[in-house]
Amino acid sequence: MNKYYYDLHIHSCLSPCGDDDNTPNNIAGMATLCGLNIVALTDHNTLKNCPAFFKAAKKYGIIPVAGTELTTAEDVHIICLFESLEAGMDFDSELQKHRILVKNRTDIFGNQFILDGDDNIIGTDENLLSNATDISIDDAAKLIPKFGGICYPAHIDRQSNGIISVLGTFPETPYFSCVELNRQEKIEEYRKEYSLEDKKIVVSSDAHILTDMRDKENYFELNDEPYSGDLVRSELFKLLR
């Protein structure tokens, strides 16, 4: 068992609110400087920069996780993580069927760049990625596991798009094995107030600019013998489930 420092909520330049400098290679490089070992790319309602991020992560020795920050029909943000890139991209194809298409206004919301492994722009998403989909919270909890993934509410300690702020409480159903907080100092307060004792607490940055990425602080102890990135990722998913 070894410590693996993580950040499981980072946005690239594909998210309209993500800085254009948040390219896959810049994220992987900054993660190395921060001392992180496992990093998930979680753009809004898309995984289309995950293939580039996996290539960038390999260059920097980071273990990548394919993910997305799903906006549910209730306007709640849910982190969705997938054990393989292939499974993530299969879910991305399904997710596109559930988006409500509204033309992106780059002058208001920002660019939505799709990049390759060398940070070259190979496309854009013309429709706004951050608005709600037609997937409900209940549907998300059923749909993501069908693709070998895990999902849990994002930044429950924030007002904007947090499940508690939107619903007024933390629902008993659907059941989530994990929850994400943005601030570590809020863990005990939220664990007690919302009866989260049975849940794994994940603390992530929700970084939209490179300087929002945090130095290594939060970690999981994972089995890594005989070592491989795939094994570590698999052990991470066992822990989160």
Protein backbone atom coordinates (compact mmCIF):
# COMPACT_ATOMS: atom_id res chain seq x y z
CA MET A 1 0.00 0.00 0.00
CA ASN A 2 1.34 3.42 -0.98
CA LYS A 3 0.04 6.96 -0.85
CA TYR A 4 -1.27 8.37 -4.12
CA TYR A 5 -1.99 12.10 -4.11
CA TYR A 6 -4.94 12.99 -6.28
CA ASP A 7 -7.14 15.64 -7.81
CA LEU A 8 -10.27 14.19 -9.40
CA HIS A 9 -11.92 17.40 -10.63
CA ILE A 10 -10.04 19.53 -13.16
CA HIS A 11 -11.29 21.38 -16.24
CA SER A 12 -9.47 21.88 -19.51
CA CYS A 13 -9.91 24.54 -22.17
CA LEU A 14 -12.83 22.52 -23.52
CA SER A 15 -14.99 23.68 -20.62
CA PRO A 16 -16.35 27.14 -21.47
CA CYS A 17 -15.32 28.39 -18.02
CA GLY A 18 -11.88 26.75 -18.30
CA ASP A 19 -8.90 28.94 -19.14
CA ASP A 20 -7.45 28.55 -22.63
CA ASP A 21 -4.09 27.74 -20.98
CA ASN A 22 -5.63 24.65 -19.37
CA THR A 23 -4.40 22.36 -22.11
CA PRO A 24 -3.89 18.64 -21.48
CA ASN A 25 -0.10 19.01 -21.39
CA ASN A 26 -0.20 22.07 -19.15
CA ILE A 27 -2.51 20.30 -16.72
CA ALA A 28 -0.28 17.22 -16.62
CA GLY A 29 2.80 19.40 -16.17
CA MET A 30 1.23 21.43 -13.38
CA ALA A 31 0.07 18.22 -11.70
CA THR A 32 3.68 17.06 -11.65
CA LEU A 33 4.79 20.34 -10.09
CA CYS A 34 2.04 19.98 -7.48
CA GLY A 35 3.23 16.49 -6.60
CA LEU A 36 0.03 14.76 -7.73
CA ASN A 37 -0.03 11.14 -8.84
CA ILE A 38 -3.63 10.61 -10.03
CA VAL A 39 -5.58 13.26 -11.94
CA ALA A 40 -9.05 13.16 -13.49
CA LEU A 41 -10.04 15.45 -16.33
CA THR A 42 -13.69 16.40 -15.80
CA ASP A 43 -14.89 18.91 -18.37
CA HIS A 44 -18.54 19.92 -18.38
CA ASN A 45 -20.73 17.30 -20.12
CA THR A 46 -17.98 15.98 -22.37
CA LEU A 47 -14.91 13.72 -22.35
CA LYS A 48 -13.54 14.78 -25.72
CA ASN A 49 -10.23 16.08 -24.32
CA CYS A 50 -9.61 12.90 -22.34
CA PRO A 51 -7.73 11.10 -25.17
CA ALA A 52 -5.29 14.02 -25.39
CA PHE A 53 -4.99 14.13 -21.60
CA PHE A 54 -4.12 10.43 -21.43
CA LYS A 55 -1.29 11.03 -23.92
CA ALA A 56 -0.06 14.06 -21.99
CA ALA A 57 -0.24 12.22 -18.67
CA LYS A 58 1.96 9.44 -20.04
CA LYS A 59 4.68 11.98 -20.85
CA TYR A 60 4.65 13.31 -17.30
CA GLY A 61 4.19 10.05 -15.41
CA ILE A 62 0.71 10.96 -14.14
CA ILE A 63 -2.00 8.30 -13.81
CA PRO A 64 -4.97 9.75 -15.73
CA VAL A 65 -8.65 9.15 -15.13
CA ALA A 66 -11.30 9.85 -17.75
CA GLY A 67 -14.20 11.81 -16.37
CA THR A 68 -16.79 14.52 -16.81
CA GLU A 69 -18.77 16.91 -14.63
CA LEU A 70 -22.33 16.10 -15.55
CA THR A 71 -24.98 18.79 -15.14
CA THR A 72 -28.20 16.98 -14.27
CA ALA A 73 -31.70 18.05 -15.21
CA GLU A 74 -31.99 19.52 -11.70
CA ASP A 75 -28.87 21.66 -12.41
CA VAL A 76 -26.78 19.66 -9.95
CA HIS A 77 -23.16 18.87 -10.78
CA ILE A 78 -22.20 15.20 -10.60
CA ILE A 79 -18.65 13.87 -11.05
CA CYS A 80 -18.55 10.83 -13.35
CA LEU A 81 -15.32 8.79 -13.53
CA PHE A 82 -14.54 5.80 -15.74
CA GLU A 83 -12.08 2.99 -15.19
CA SER A 84 -10.83 3.09 -18.78
CA LEU A 85 -10.56 5.71 -21.48
CA GLU A 86 -12.54 3.48 -23.82
CA ALA A 87 -15.44 3.23 -21.38
CA GLY A 88 -15.34 6.98 -20.88
CA MET A 89 -15.53 7.66 -24.59
CA ASP A 90 -18.41 5.19 -24.93
CA PHE A 91 -20.25 7.17 -22.25
CA ASP A 92 -19.40 10.41 -24.04
CA SER A 93 -21.24 9.13 -27.12
CA GLU A 94 -24.28 8.38 -24.96
CA LEU A 95 -24.03 11.70 -23.12
CA GLN A 96 -24.24 13.71 -26.33
CA LYS A 97 -27.76 12.32 -26.88
CA HIS A 98 -28.89 13.95 -23.62
CA ARG A 99 -27.50 17.45 -24.06
CA ILE A 100 -29.85 20.37 -24.59
CA LEU A 101 -28.21 22.17 -27.47
CA VAL A 102 -27.76 25.91 -27.11
CA LYS A 103 -25.29 27.75 -29.33
CA ASN A 104 -22.21 28.79 -27.37
CA ARG A 105 -21.48 32.51 -27.12
CA THR A 106 -17.69 32.58 -26.87
CA ASP A 107 -17.77 36.30 -26.07
CA ILE A 108 -19.81 35.52 -22.95
CA PHE A 109 -18.98 31.95 -21.90
CA GLY A 110 -15.53 31.33 -23.42
CA ASN A 111 -13.95 29.00 -25.95
CA GLN A 112 -14.50 25.25 -26.05
CA PHE A 113 -11.35 23.83 -27.66
CA ILE A 114 -10.79 20.13 -28.46
CA LEU A 115 -7.06 19.37 -28.52
CA ASP A 116 -4.75 16.55 -29.53
CA GLY A 117 -1.92 15.07 -27.47
CA ASP A 118 0.41 17.89 -28.50
CA ASP A 119 -2.07 20.62 -27.53
CA ASN A 120 -2.97 21.45 -31.11
CA ILE A 121 -6.56 22.61 -31.62
CA ILE A 122 -8.36 19.98 -33.67
CA GLY A 123 -11.92 21.17 -33.15
CA THR A 124 -14.42 23.05 -31.05
CA ASP A 125 -17.80 22.25 -29.56
CA GLU A 126 -20.20 24.78 -31.03
CA ASN A 127 -22.90 24.24 -28.41
CA LEU A 128 -22.62 25.35 -24.79
CA LEU A 129 -21.33 22.54 -22.62
CA SER A 130 -22.15 23.83 -19.15
CA ASN A 131 -25.95 23.93 -19.29
CA ALA A 132 -28.19 21.20 -17.88
CA THR A 133 -28.73 17.88 -19.65
CA ASP A 134 -31.96 15.87 -19.53
CA ILE A 135 -30.35 13.27 -17.24
CA SER A 136 -31.83 13.38 -13.74
CA ILE A 137 -29.87 12.62 -10.57
CA ASP A 138 -31.69 9.27 -10.29
CA ASP A 139 -30.96 8.45 -13.93
CA ALA A 140 -27.28 9.34 -13.56
CA ALA A 141 -26.88 6.95 -10.63
CA LYS A 142 -28.26 4.15 -12.85
CA LEU A 143 -26.62 5.10 -16.15
CA ILE A 144 -22.96 5.66 -15.23
CA PRO A 145 -22.39 2.16 -13.72
CA LYS A 146 -23.60 0.64 -17.01
CA PHE A 147 -20.40 2.06 -18.51
CA GLY A 148 -18.19 0.76 -15.71
CA GLY A 149 -18.12 4.17 -14.09
CA ILE A 150 -18.77 5.71 -10.72
CA CYS A 151 -20.55 8.97 -10.00
CA TYR A 152 -21.00 11.19 -6.97
CA PRO A 153 -22.18 14.75 -6.19
CA ALA A 154 -19.60 17.47 -6.80
CA HIS A 155 -18.59 20.27 -4.39
CA ILE A 156 -21.46 19.71 -1.97
CA ASP A 157 -20.04 22.49 0.23
CA ARG A 158 -20.66 25.17 -2.41
CA GLN A 159 -23.78 27.10 -3.31
CA SER A 160 -23.36 26.95 -7.06
CA ASN A 161 -24.76 23.67 -8.47
CA GLY A 162 -24.15 21.72 -5.24
CA ILE A 163 -26.70 19.02 -4.47
CA ILE A 164 -27.41 20.39 -0.98
CA SER A 165 -27.85 23.99 -2.13
CA VAL A 166 -30.16 22.93 -4.98
CA LEU A 167 -32.25 20.31 -3.14
CA GLY A 168 -32.01 21.77 0.35
CA THR A 169 -30.56 18.57 1.85
CA PHE A 170 -28.52 15.50 0.93
CA PRO A 171 -31.02 12.94 -0.42
CA GLU A 172 -31.12 9.38 0.90
CA THR A 173 -31.77 8.13 -2.62
CA PRO A 174 -30.18 7.52 -4.96
CA TYR A 175 -27.36 6.11 -2.88
CA PHE A 176 -23.87 7.51 -3.52
CA SER A 177 -20.80 5.81 -2.07
CA CYS A 178 -18.79 9.05 -2.32
CA VAL A 179 -19.23 12.79 -2.09
CA GLU A 180 -16.90 15.58 -3.13
CA LEU A 181 -16.02 18.62 -1.08
CA ASN A 182 -14.05 21.60 -2.29
CA ARG A 183 -12.71 22.56 1.14
CA GLN A 184 -11.08 19.98 3.38
CA GLU A 185 -11.83 21.97 6.55
CA LYS A 186 -15.56 21.40 5.95
CA ILE A 187 -15.37 17.59 6.09
CA GLU A 188 -16.37 17.02 9.70
CA GLU A 189 -19.06 19.71 9.60
CA TYR A 190 -20.75 18.20 6.54
CA ARG A 191 -20.19 14.61 7.64
CA LYS A 192 -22.07 15.30 10.87
CA GLU A 193 -24.77 17.66 9.60
CA TYR A 194 -25.76 15.49 6.61
CA SER A 195 -25.04 12.01 8.05
CA LEU A 196 -22.29 11.18 5.58
CA GLU A 197 -20.47 8.71 7.85
CA ASP A 198 -20.95 5.85 5.35
CA LYS A 199 -19.45 7.76 2.43
CA LYS A 200 -15.93 8.19 1.11
CA ILE A 201 -15.03 11.88 1.13
CA VAL A 202 -13.17 13.12 -1.94
CA VAL A 203 -11.57 16.58 -1.80
CA SER A 204 -10.74 18.09 -5.20
CA SER A 205 -9.90 21.52 -6.57
CA ASP A 206 -12.43 22.03 -9.40
CA ALA A 207 -9.58 23.94 -11.05
CA HIS A 208 -10.51 26.07 -14.04
CA ILE A 209 -7.13 27.81 -14.23
CA LEU A 210 -3.73 26.23 -13.71
CA THR A 211 -2.97 28.21 -10.56
CA ASP A 212 -6.10 26.80 -8.90
CA MET A 213 -4.53 23.33 -8.88
CA ARG A 214 -3.41 22.50 -5.35
CA ASP A 215 -0.17 21.09 -4.02
CA LYS A 216 -0.35 17.48 -2.88
CA GLU A 217 -2.52 17.22 0.21
CA ASN A 218 -5.22 14.62 -0.25
CA TYR A 219 -4.34 11.01 -0.92
CA PHE A 220 -5.60 7.46 -1.07
CA GLU A 221 -3.59 4.46 0.10
CA LEU A 222 -3.68 1.96 -2.74
CA ASN A 223 -2.20 -1.43 -3.50
CA ASP A 224 0.25 -1.16 -6.41
CA GLU A 225 2.08 -4.51 -6.57
CA PRO A 226 3.12 -5.49 -9.18
CA TYR A 227 3.09 -1.85 -10.25
CA SER A 228 1.18 -0.57 -13.24
CA GLY A 229 -0.90 2.51 -13.82
CA ASP A 230 -3.84 0.32 -14.78
CA LEU A 231 -3.61 -1.55 -11.47
CA VAL A 232 -3.50 1.68 -9.45
CA ARG A 233 -6.51 3.03 -11.35
CA SER A 234 -8.38 -0.24 -10.77
CA GLU A 235 -7.59 -0.11 -7.04
CA LEU A 236 -8.81 3.49 -6.94
CA PHE A 237 -12.17 2.45 -8.36
CA LYS A 238 -12.45 -0.42 -5.90
CA LEU A 239 -11.93 2.08 -3.08
CA LEU A 240 -14.44 4.61 -4.42
CA ARG A 241 -17.10 1.95 -5.01
